[in-house]
N, C-alpha and C. Protein backbone atom coordinates (compact mmCIF):
# COMPACT_ATOMS: atom_id res chain seq x y z
N MET A 1 58.95 -2.58 4.66
CA MET A 1 58.50 -1.26 4.29
C MET A 1 58.98 -0.27 5.34
N GLN A 2 59.58 0.80 4.89
CA GLN A 2 60.10 1.83 5.76
C GLN A 2 58.94 2.66 6.33
N LYS A 3 58.98 2.93 7.65
CA LYS A 3 57.94 3.74 8.28
C LYS A 3 58.08 5.19 7.82
N LYS A 4 56.97 5.80 7.50
CA LYS A 4 56.97 7.18 7.02
C LYS A 4 56.78 8.14 8.20
N ARG A 5 57.57 9.22 8.21
CA ARG A 5 57.44 10.26 9.23
C ARG A 5 56.38 11.27 8.86
N SER A 6 56.02 11.30 7.59
CA SER A 6 55.18 12.36 7.07
C SER A 6 54.43 11.86 5.85
N LEU A 7 53.38 12.57 5.47
CA LEU A 7 52.69 12.29 4.22
C LEU A 7 53.28 13.09 3.06
N CYS A 8 54.24 13.97 3.35
CA CYS A 8 54.86 14.82 2.33
C CYS A 8 55.77 14.00 1.42
N ALA A 9 55.53 14.07 0.11
CA ALA A 9 56.34 13.31 -0.85
C ALA A 9 57.81 13.70 -0.79
N LEU A 10 58.12 14.99 -0.64
CA LEU A 10 59.51 15.44 -0.58
C LEU A 10 60.21 14.90 0.67
N THR A 11 59.53 14.93 1.81
CA THR A 11 60.10 14.37 3.03
C THR A 11 60.42 12.89 2.85
N ASN A 12 59.49 12.16 2.26
CA ASN A 12 59.70 10.72 2.08
C ASN A 12 60.80 10.43 1.06
N PHE A 13 60.91 11.26 0.02
CA PHE A 13 62.01 11.12 -0.93
C PHE A 13 63.34 11.34 -0.21
N LEU A 14 63.41 12.39 0.59
CA LEU A 14 64.66 12.68 1.31
C LEU A 14 65.00 11.60 2.33
N ASP A 15 63.99 10.97 2.91
CA ASP A 15 64.27 9.85 3.81
C ASP A 15 64.94 8.69 3.08
N GLN A 16 64.63 8.53 1.79
CA GLN A 16 65.23 7.45 1.02
C GLN A 16 66.54 7.86 0.35
N PHE A 17 66.64 9.12 -0.07
CA PHE A 17 67.80 9.57 -0.85
C PHE A 17 68.45 10.82 -0.26
N GLY A 18 68.30 11.05 1.01
CA GLY A 18 68.77 12.30 1.61
C GLY A 18 70.25 12.39 1.89
N ASP A 19 71.01 11.46 1.42
CA ASP A 19 72.47 11.54 1.57
C ASP A 19 73.09 11.50 0.19
N LYS A 20 74.26 12.10 0.06
CA LYS A 20 74.85 12.20 -1.28
C LYS A 20 75.27 10.84 -1.84
N TRP A 21 75.64 9.89 -1.00
CA TRP A 21 76.15 8.62 -1.51
C TRP A 21 75.08 7.84 -2.25
N SER A 22 73.85 7.83 -1.76
CA SER A 22 72.79 7.09 -2.44
C SER A 22 72.57 7.63 -3.85
N LEU A 23 72.52 8.94 -3.98
CA LEU A 23 72.31 9.54 -5.30
C LEU A 23 73.51 9.32 -6.22
N LEU A 24 74.72 9.33 -5.66
CA LEU A 24 75.91 9.09 -6.49
C LEU A 24 76.00 7.63 -6.93
N ILE A 25 75.58 6.72 -6.07
CA ILE A 25 75.52 5.30 -6.46
C ILE A 25 74.52 5.14 -7.60
N MET A 26 73.35 5.76 -7.46
CA MET A 26 72.34 5.69 -8.52
C MET A 26 72.90 6.29 -9.82
N ARG A 27 73.56 7.45 -9.73
CA ARG A 27 74.14 8.08 -10.92
C ARG A 27 75.11 7.13 -11.61
N ASP A 28 75.99 6.49 -10.84
CA ASP A 28 76.96 5.60 -11.45
C ASP A 28 76.31 4.39 -12.08
N LEU A 29 75.24 3.89 -11.50
CA LEU A 29 74.54 2.76 -12.12
C LEU A 29 73.89 3.18 -13.43
N PHE A 30 73.42 4.42 -13.53
CA PHE A 30 72.91 4.91 -14.82
C PHE A 30 74.05 5.03 -15.82
N LEU A 31 75.20 5.50 -15.39
CA LEU A 31 76.32 5.72 -16.31
C LEU A 31 76.98 4.42 -16.76
N TYR A 32 77.05 3.43 -15.87
CA TYR A 32 77.81 2.21 -16.17
C TYR A 32 76.95 0.95 -16.25
N LYS A 33 75.64 1.05 -16.04
CA LYS A 33 74.67 -0.05 -16.15
C LYS A 33 74.78 -1.08 -15.03
N SER A 34 75.96 -1.59 -14.76
CA SER A 34 76.12 -2.54 -13.66
C SER A 34 77.51 -2.33 -13.05
N ARG A 35 77.61 -2.67 -11.78
CA ARG A 35 78.87 -2.48 -11.07
C ARG A 35 79.05 -3.60 -10.06
N GLU A 36 80.30 -3.95 -9.84
CA GLU A 36 80.64 -4.79 -8.71
C GLU A 36 80.93 -3.87 -7.53
N TYR A 37 80.90 -4.40 -6.33
CA TYR A 37 81.12 -3.59 -5.13
C TYR A 37 82.38 -2.74 -5.25
N GLY A 38 83.48 -3.34 -5.63
CA GLY A 38 84.75 -2.63 -5.74
C GLY A 38 84.76 -1.52 -6.77
N ASP A 39 83.87 -1.61 -7.77
CA ASP A 39 83.79 -0.57 -8.80
C ASP A 39 83.28 0.74 -8.24
N PHE A 40 82.59 0.71 -7.10
CA PHE A 40 82.07 1.93 -6.49
C PHE A 40 83.13 2.67 -5.69
N LEU A 41 84.30 2.05 -5.52
CA LEU A 41 85.37 2.67 -4.73
C LEU A 41 86.53 3.01 -5.64
N PRO A 42 86.77 4.20 -6.10
CA PRO A 42 85.92 5.37 -5.87
C PRO A 42 84.79 5.41 -6.88
N LEU A 43 83.76 6.19 -6.55
CA LEU A 43 82.70 6.48 -7.51
C LEU A 43 83.30 7.36 -8.59
N SER A 44 82.62 7.53 -9.70
CA SER A 44 83.17 8.36 -10.77
C SER A 44 83.39 9.78 -10.29
N VAL A 45 84.23 10.52 -10.97
CA VAL A 45 84.58 11.90 -10.68
C VAL A 45 85.29 12.03 -9.33
N GLY A 46 85.90 10.96 -8.85
CA GLY A 46 86.77 11.04 -7.70
C GLY A 46 86.12 11.00 -6.33
N GLU A 47 84.79 10.88 -6.24
CA GLU A 47 84.17 10.77 -4.93
C GLU A 47 84.43 9.36 -4.40
N SER A 48 84.67 9.26 -3.10
CA SER A 48 84.97 7.94 -2.55
C SER A 48 84.37 7.78 -1.16
N PRO A 49 83.31 6.99 -1.04
CA PRO A 49 82.75 6.74 0.30
C PRO A 49 83.60 5.73 1.04
N SER A 50 83.49 5.73 2.37
CA SER A 50 84.15 4.68 3.14
C SER A 50 83.43 3.37 2.84
N THR A 51 84.10 2.25 3.06
CA THR A 51 83.51 0.95 2.73
C THR A 51 82.24 0.67 3.53
N ASN A 52 82.21 1.09 4.80
CA ASN A 52 81.00 0.82 5.60
C ASN A 52 79.82 1.67 5.12
N ILE A 53 80.07 2.91 4.70
CA ILE A 53 78.99 3.75 4.16
C ILE A 53 78.50 3.15 2.84
N LEU A 54 79.42 2.73 1.97
CA LEU A 54 79.02 2.14 0.70
C LEU A 54 78.16 0.90 0.92
N ALA A 55 78.60 0.01 1.81
CA ALA A 55 77.85 -1.22 2.08
C ALA A 55 76.46 -0.90 2.61
N THR A 56 76.37 0.07 3.51
CA THR A 56 75.09 0.46 4.11
C THR A 56 74.16 1.05 3.06
N ARG A 57 74.67 1.93 2.22
CA ARG A 57 73.84 2.59 1.22
C ARG A 57 73.39 1.61 0.13
N LEU A 58 74.28 0.71 -0.30
CA LEU A 58 73.88 -0.30 -1.29
C LEU A 58 72.77 -1.19 -0.72
N LYS A 59 72.93 -1.64 0.52
CA LYS A 59 71.90 -2.47 1.15
C LYS A 59 70.58 -1.70 1.23
N HIS A 60 70.63 -0.44 1.60
CA HIS A 60 69.44 0.40 1.69
C HIS A 60 68.73 0.48 0.33
N LEU A 61 69.49 0.73 -0.73
CA LEU A 61 68.90 0.85 -2.07
C LEU A 61 68.34 -0.48 -2.56
N VAL A 62 68.99 -1.59 -2.20
CA VAL A 62 68.47 -2.92 -2.55
C VAL A 62 67.18 -3.17 -1.76
N ASP A 63 67.20 -2.89 -0.46
CA ASP A 63 66.02 -3.13 0.38
C ASP A 63 64.81 -2.32 -0.09
N LEU A 64 65.05 -1.11 -0.60
CA LEU A 64 63.96 -0.26 -1.08
C LEU A 64 63.51 -0.61 -2.49
N GLY A 65 64.26 -1.49 -3.16
CA GLY A 65 63.86 -1.95 -4.49
C GLY A 65 64.34 -1.09 -5.65
N TYR A 66 65.32 -0.19 -5.42
CA TYR A 66 65.86 0.63 -6.51
C TYR A 66 67.03 -0.05 -7.22
N VAL A 67 67.68 -0.96 -6.52
CA VAL A 67 68.87 -1.64 -7.03
C VAL A 67 68.71 -3.14 -6.78
N SER A 68 69.16 -3.94 -7.74
CA SER A 68 69.16 -5.39 -7.53
C SER A 68 70.60 -5.84 -7.29
N LYS A 69 70.72 -6.91 -6.51
CA LYS A 69 72.02 -7.49 -6.18
C LYS A 69 71.95 -8.96 -6.56
N LYS A 70 72.82 -9.34 -7.51
CA LYS A 70 72.83 -10.74 -7.98
C LYS A 70 74.26 -11.28 -7.92
N LYS A 71 74.37 -12.58 -7.71
CA LYS A 71 75.68 -13.23 -7.70
C LYS A 71 76.37 -13.01 -9.04
N HIS A 72 77.66 -12.77 -8.99
CA HIS A 72 78.46 -12.61 -10.20
C HIS A 72 78.47 -13.95 -10.93
N PRO A 73 78.26 -13.95 -12.25
CA PRO A 73 78.17 -15.22 -12.98
C PRO A 73 79.48 -16.01 -13.02
N ARG A 74 80.60 -15.34 -12.88
CA ARG A 74 81.89 -16.04 -12.97
C ARG A 74 82.63 -16.14 -11.64
N ASP A 75 82.21 -15.36 -10.65
CA ASP A 75 82.87 -15.38 -9.35
C ASP A 75 81.81 -15.35 -8.27
N GLY A 76 81.51 -16.49 -7.70
CA GLY A 76 80.44 -16.62 -6.71
C GLY A 76 80.66 -15.83 -5.44
N LYS A 77 81.86 -15.28 -5.23
CA LYS A 77 82.13 -14.47 -4.04
C LYS A 77 81.74 -13.01 -4.26
N LYS A 78 81.46 -12.63 -5.51
CA LYS A 78 81.15 -11.24 -5.83
C LYS A 78 79.68 -11.09 -6.22
N TYR A 79 79.23 -9.85 -6.18
CA TYR A 79 77.87 -9.53 -6.58
C TYR A 79 77.90 -8.44 -7.65
N ILE A 80 76.86 -8.44 -8.47
CA ILE A 80 76.66 -7.40 -9.48
C ILE A 80 75.43 -6.60 -9.07
N TYR A 81 75.58 -5.28 -9.10
CA TYR A 81 74.49 -4.37 -8.76
C TYR A 81 73.99 -3.71 -10.03
N THR A 82 72.68 -3.69 -10.21
CA THR A 82 72.05 -3.03 -11.36
C THR A 82 70.79 -2.31 -10.89
N LEU A 83 70.33 -1.37 -11.70
CA LEU A 83 69.09 -0.68 -11.40
C LEU A 83 67.89 -1.56 -11.71
N THR A 84 66.89 -1.49 -10.87
CA THR A 84 65.61 -2.14 -11.15
C THR A 84 64.77 -1.16 -11.98
N ASN A 85 63.61 -1.59 -12.42
CA ASN A 85 62.72 -0.67 -13.13
C ASN A 85 62.35 0.52 -12.24
N LYS A 86 62.14 0.27 -10.96
CA LYS A 86 61.85 1.35 -10.02
C LYS A 86 63.03 2.33 -9.97
N GLY A 87 64.24 1.81 -9.92
CA GLY A 87 65.43 2.67 -9.92
C GLY A 87 65.57 3.45 -11.21
N LYS A 88 65.31 2.78 -12.34
CA LYS A 88 65.40 3.45 -13.64
C LYS A 88 64.40 4.59 -13.78
N SER A 89 63.28 4.49 -13.06
CA SER A 89 62.27 5.54 -13.15
C SER A 89 62.75 6.86 -12.55
N LEU A 90 63.86 6.84 -11.83
CA LEU A 90 64.44 8.06 -11.25
C LEU A 90 65.31 8.83 -12.24
N ARG A 91 65.55 8.28 -13.43
CA ARG A 91 66.43 8.95 -14.39
C ARG A 91 66.04 10.39 -14.66
N PRO A 92 64.78 10.71 -14.98
CA PRO A 92 64.46 12.11 -15.27
C PRO A 92 64.67 13.04 -14.07
N VAL A 93 64.44 12.54 -12.87
CA VAL A 93 64.65 13.35 -11.66
C VAL A 93 66.13 13.67 -11.49
N LEU A 94 66.97 12.64 -11.57
CA LEU A 94 68.41 12.85 -11.42
C LEU A 94 68.97 13.70 -12.56
N GLN A 95 68.48 13.49 -13.78
CA GLN A 95 68.97 14.27 -14.91
C GLN A 95 68.63 15.75 -14.72
N THR A 96 67.45 16.03 -14.21
CA THR A 96 67.06 17.42 -13.96
C THR A 96 67.97 18.06 -12.92
N ILE A 97 68.30 17.34 -11.87
CA ILE A 97 69.20 17.86 -10.84
C ILE A 97 70.59 18.11 -11.43
N ILE A 98 71.09 17.17 -12.23
CA ILE A 98 72.40 17.32 -12.87
C ILE A 98 72.40 18.54 -13.79
N ASP A 99 71.38 18.66 -14.62
CA ASP A 99 71.29 19.78 -15.56
C ASP A 99 71.20 21.11 -14.81
N TRP A 100 70.40 21.15 -13.76
CA TRP A 100 70.27 22.37 -12.97
C TRP A 100 71.64 22.76 -12.38
N GLY A 101 72.34 21.79 -11.81
CA GLY A 101 73.66 22.06 -11.23
C GLY A 101 74.64 22.60 -12.26
N GLY A 102 74.63 22.02 -13.45
CA GLY A 102 75.51 22.50 -14.52
C GLY A 102 75.20 23.92 -14.94
N GLU A 103 73.94 24.28 -14.87
CA GLU A 103 73.53 25.62 -15.29
C GLU A 103 73.73 26.68 -14.20
N HIS A 104 73.57 26.30 -12.95
CA HIS A 104 73.54 27.28 -11.87
C HIS A 104 74.70 27.23 -10.89
N ILE A 105 75.55 26.23 -10.97
CA ILE A 105 76.68 26.12 -10.05
C ILE A 105 77.96 26.17 -10.88
N ASN A 106 78.68 27.27 -10.79
CA ASN A 106 79.90 27.47 -11.57
C ASN A 106 80.91 26.36 -11.29
N GLY A 107 81.61 25.96 -12.34
CA GLY A 107 82.68 24.97 -12.21
C GLY A 107 82.19 23.54 -12.17
N THR A 108 80.91 23.29 -12.49
CA THR A 108 80.42 21.91 -12.54
C THR A 108 80.11 21.56 -13.99
N TYR A 109 79.95 20.32 -14.26
CA TYR A 109 79.63 19.86 -15.61
C TYR A 109 78.44 18.93 -15.54
N THR A 110 77.84 18.72 -16.68
CA THR A 110 76.69 17.82 -16.75
C THR A 110 77.07 16.58 -17.55
N LYS A 111 76.32 15.54 -17.35
CA LYS A 111 76.48 14.30 -18.08
C LYS A 111 75.08 13.75 -18.31
N THR A 112 74.86 13.18 -19.47
CA THR A 112 73.55 12.60 -19.77
C THR A 112 73.50 11.18 -19.24
N LEU A 113 72.49 10.92 -18.43
CA LEU A 113 72.30 9.57 -17.89
C LEU A 113 71.60 8.71 -18.92
N ARG A 114 72.04 7.47 -19.04
CA ARG A 114 71.41 6.54 -19.98
C ARG A 114 70.24 5.84 -19.29
N SER A 115 69.27 5.49 -20.09
CA SER A 115 68.09 4.79 -19.55
C SER A 115 68.41 3.36 -19.19
């Protein structure tokens, strides 16, 4: 369990998702349902984290229970990442952020996240 700096829900949310890569990993898991490690490089729409950042953020999301990591059924050297029920519960939050950005930030587009 991660130590909390504050009782504020927004502070604690930002401690878990306060970097762009975590939210983009979550977005891609909503869009594609499951991914192998290499599928995240690059993330959709051309964003590309360094391999060490990607590995760190995936581990963080797995440790917090938002993402599951399972052995690939056909290649034991690979893993498949999927959203857990806890991770799926973030869909309305992320969709609201995406919709807001599409409405208020010129030159951006929106995409509907699947449950």
